[in-house]
Amino acid sequence: LGFFFLDTDRALVLLEEYCKKLRKPEEQQLKKAIRKVMGIFKSSLFQALLGSFKKKATRHGTTSHTTLPAALACDVLGCPKD
């Protein structure tokens, strides 16, 4: 299967755009959960783990152009794929 490059910046943009659409009172819990995930993506621990993962993937020649967080966000949010 190989590893995937994780594009957190793209995932964060997609999640932020989706959050802007969540305005109804019943959507606020989902919005709060998405913001929590965004906070995790921005955390220094997540970024350090991501950097380690990218180094290993590059060193072992198992990289891919697919971006996992962005692909996951698109799958969950119904975004069109590039």
C-alpha atoms as a PDB file:
ATOM      1  CA  LEU A   1       0.000   0.000   0.000  1.00  0.00           C
ATOM      2  CA  GLY A   2       2.771   2.429   0.842  1.00  0.00           C
ATOM      3  CA  PHE A   3       2.662   5.523   3.009  1.00  0.00           C
ATOM      4  CA  PHE A   4       0.843   8.768   2.310  1.00  0.00           C
ATOM      5  CA  PHE A   5       2.111  12.303   2.598  1.00  0.00           C
ATOM      6  CA  LEU A   6      -0.079  14.032   5.128  1.00  0.00           C
ATOM      7  CA  ASP A   7      -1.204  17.463   3.999  1.00  0.00           C
ATOM      8  CA  THR A   8      -2.546  19.017   7.181  1.00  0.00           C
ATOM      9  CA  ASP A   9      -2.697  22.522   5.695  1.00  0.00           C
ATOM     10  CA  ARG A  10      -5.148  21.381   3.016  1.00  0.00           C
ATOM     11  CA  ALA A  11      -7.184  19.417   5.564  1.00  0.00           C
ATOM     12  CA  LEU A  12      -7.334  22.461   7.843  1.00  0.00           C
ATOM     13  CA  VAL A  13      -8.561  24.666   4.999  1.00  0.00           C
ATOM     14  CA  LEU A  14     -11.281  22.154   4.083  1.00  0.00           C
ATOM     15  CA  LEU A  15     -12.359  21.763   7.702  1.00  0.00           C
ATOM     16  CA  GLU A  16     -12.431  25.533   8.219  1.00  0.00           C
ATOM     17  CA  GLU A  17     -14.589  25.996   5.100  1.00  0.00           C
ATOM     18  CA  TYR A  18     -16.960  23.310   6.336  1.00  0.00           C
ATOM     19  CA  CYS A  19     -17.162  24.887   9.808  1.00  0.00           C
ATOM     20  CA  LYS A  20     -18.234  28.187   8.261  1.00  0.00           C
ATOM     21  CA  LYS A  21     -21.288  26.402   6.845  1.00  0.00           C
ATOM     22  CA  LEU A  22     -22.338  25.050  10.252  1.00  0.00           C
ATOM     23  CA  ARG A  23     -24.673  27.747  11.566  1.00  0.00           C
ATOM     24  CA  LYS A  24     -27.721  25.884  12.882  1.00  0.00           C
ATOM     25  CA  PRO A  25     -27.953  25.251  16.633  1.00  0.00           C
ATOM     26  CA  GLU A  26     -28.035  21.477  16.093  1.00  0.00           C
ATOM     27  CA  GLU A  27     -24.758  21.706  14.136  1.00  0.00           C
ATOM     28  CA  GLN A  28     -22.781  23.404  16.899  1.00  0.00           C
ATOM     29  CA  GLN A  29     -21.698  20.156  18.557  1.00  0.00           C
ATOM     30  CA  LEU A  30     -20.256  18.949  15.233  1.00  0.00           C
ATOM     31  CA  LYS A  31     -18.572  22.322  14.742  1.00  0.00           C
ATOM     32  CA  LYS A  32     -16.997  22.052  18.202  1.00  0.00           C
ATOM     33  CA  ALA A  33     -15.699  18.534  17.424  1.00  0.00           C
ATOM     34  CA  ILE A  34     -14.233  19.664  14.099  1.00  0.00           C
ATOM     35  CA  ARG A  35     -12.503  22.592  15.800  1.00  0.00           C
ATOM     36  CA  LYS A  36     -11.007  20.122  18.292  1.00  0.00           C
ATOM     37  CA  VAL A  37      -9.598  18.029  15.412  1.00  0.00           C
ATOM     38  CA  MET A  38      -8.226  21.199  13.853  1.00  0.00           C
ATOM     39  CA  GLY A  39      -6.484  21.996  17.133  1.00  0.00           C
ATOM     40  CA  ILE A  40      -4.892  18.563  17.130  1.00  0.00           C
ATOM     41  CA  PHE A  41      -3.662  19.031  13.545  1.00  0.00           C
ATOM     42  CA  LYS A  42      -2.087  22.353  14.600  1.00  0.00           C
ATOM     43  CA  SER A  43      -0.466  20.961  17.759  1.00  0.00           C
ATOM     44  CA  SER A  44       3.306  20.742  18.014  1.00  0.00           C
ATOM     45  CA  LEU A  45       3.073  17.059  19.000  1.00  0.00           C
ATOM     46  CA  PHE A  46       1.079  16.180  15.875  1.00  0.00           C
ATOM     47  CA  GLN A  47       3.456  18.194  13.694  1.00  0.00           C
ATOM     48  CA  ALA A  48       6.478  16.442  15.250  1.00  0.00           C
ATOM     49  CA  LEU A  49       4.931  13.009  14.656  1.00  0.00           C
ATOM     50  CA  LEU A  50       4.056  14.024  11.122  1.00  0.00           C
ATOM     51  CA  GLY A  51       7.634  15.158  10.488  1.00  0.00           C
ATOM     52  CA  SER A  52       8.947  11.841  11.782  1.00  0.00           C
ATOM     53  CA  PHE A  53       6.489   9.944   9.578  1.00  0.00           C
ATOM     54  CA  LYS A  54       7.474  11.940   6.493  1.00  0.00           C
ATOM     55  CA  LYS A  55      11.197  11.308   7.169  1.00  0.00           C
ATOM     56  CA  LYS A  56      10.646   7.565   7.486  1.00  0.00           C
ATOM     57  CA  ALA A  57       8.457   7.410   4.391  1.00  0.00           C
ATOM     58  CA  THR A  58      10.992   9.365   2.340  1.00  0.00           C
ATOM     59  CA  ARG A  59      13.928   7.332   3.640  1.00  0.00           C
ATOM     60  CA  HIS A  60      12.194   4.053   2.757  1.00  0.00           C
ATOM     61  CA  GLY A  61      10.987   5.314  -0.622  1.00  0.00           C
ATOM     62  CA  THR A  62       7.354   4.656   0.228  1.00  0.00           C
ATOM     63  CA  THR A  63       5.895   8.105  -0.377  1.00  0.00           C
ATOM     64  CA  SER A  64       2.773   8.903  -2.337  1.00  0.00           C
ATOM     65  CA  HIS A  65       1.211  12.075  -3.683  1.00  0.00           C
ATOM     66  CA  THR A  66      -2.078  11.260  -1.968  1.00  0.00           C
ATOM     67  CA  THR A  67      -2.803  13.470   1.017  1.00  0.00           C
ATOM     68  CA  LEU A  68      -4.450  11.466   3.773  1.00  0.00           C
ATOM     69  CA  PRO A  69      -5.997  14.190   5.998  1.00  0.00           C
ATOM     70  CA  ALA A  70      -7.269  16.095   2.980  1.00  0.00           C
ATOM     71  CA  ALA A  71      -8.635  12.926   1.390  1.00  0.00           C
ATOM     72  CA  LEU A  72     -10.281  11.959   4.665  1.00  0.00           C
ATOM     73  CA  ALA A  73     -11.793  15.428   5.074  1.00  0.00           C
ATOM     74  CA  CYS A  74     -13.113  15.276   1.513  1.00  0.00           C
ATOM     75  CA  ASP A  75     -14.595  11.828   2.051  1.00  0.00           C
ATOM     76  CA  VAL A  76     -16.315  12.903   5.267  1.00  0.00           C
ATOM     77  CA  LEU A  77     -17.429  16.314   4.020  1.00  0.00           C
ATOM     78  CA  GLY A  78     -18.282  15.299   0.466  1.00  0.00           C
ATOM     79  CA  CYS A  79     -15.722  17.580  -1.180  1.00  0.00           C
ATOM     80  CA  PRO A  80     -14.844  17.031  -4.833  1.00  0.00           C
ATOM     81  CA  LYS A  81     -11.508  15.260  -5.335  1.00  0.00           C
ATOM     82  CA  ASP A  82      -8.765  16.970  -7.371  1.00  0.00           C
END
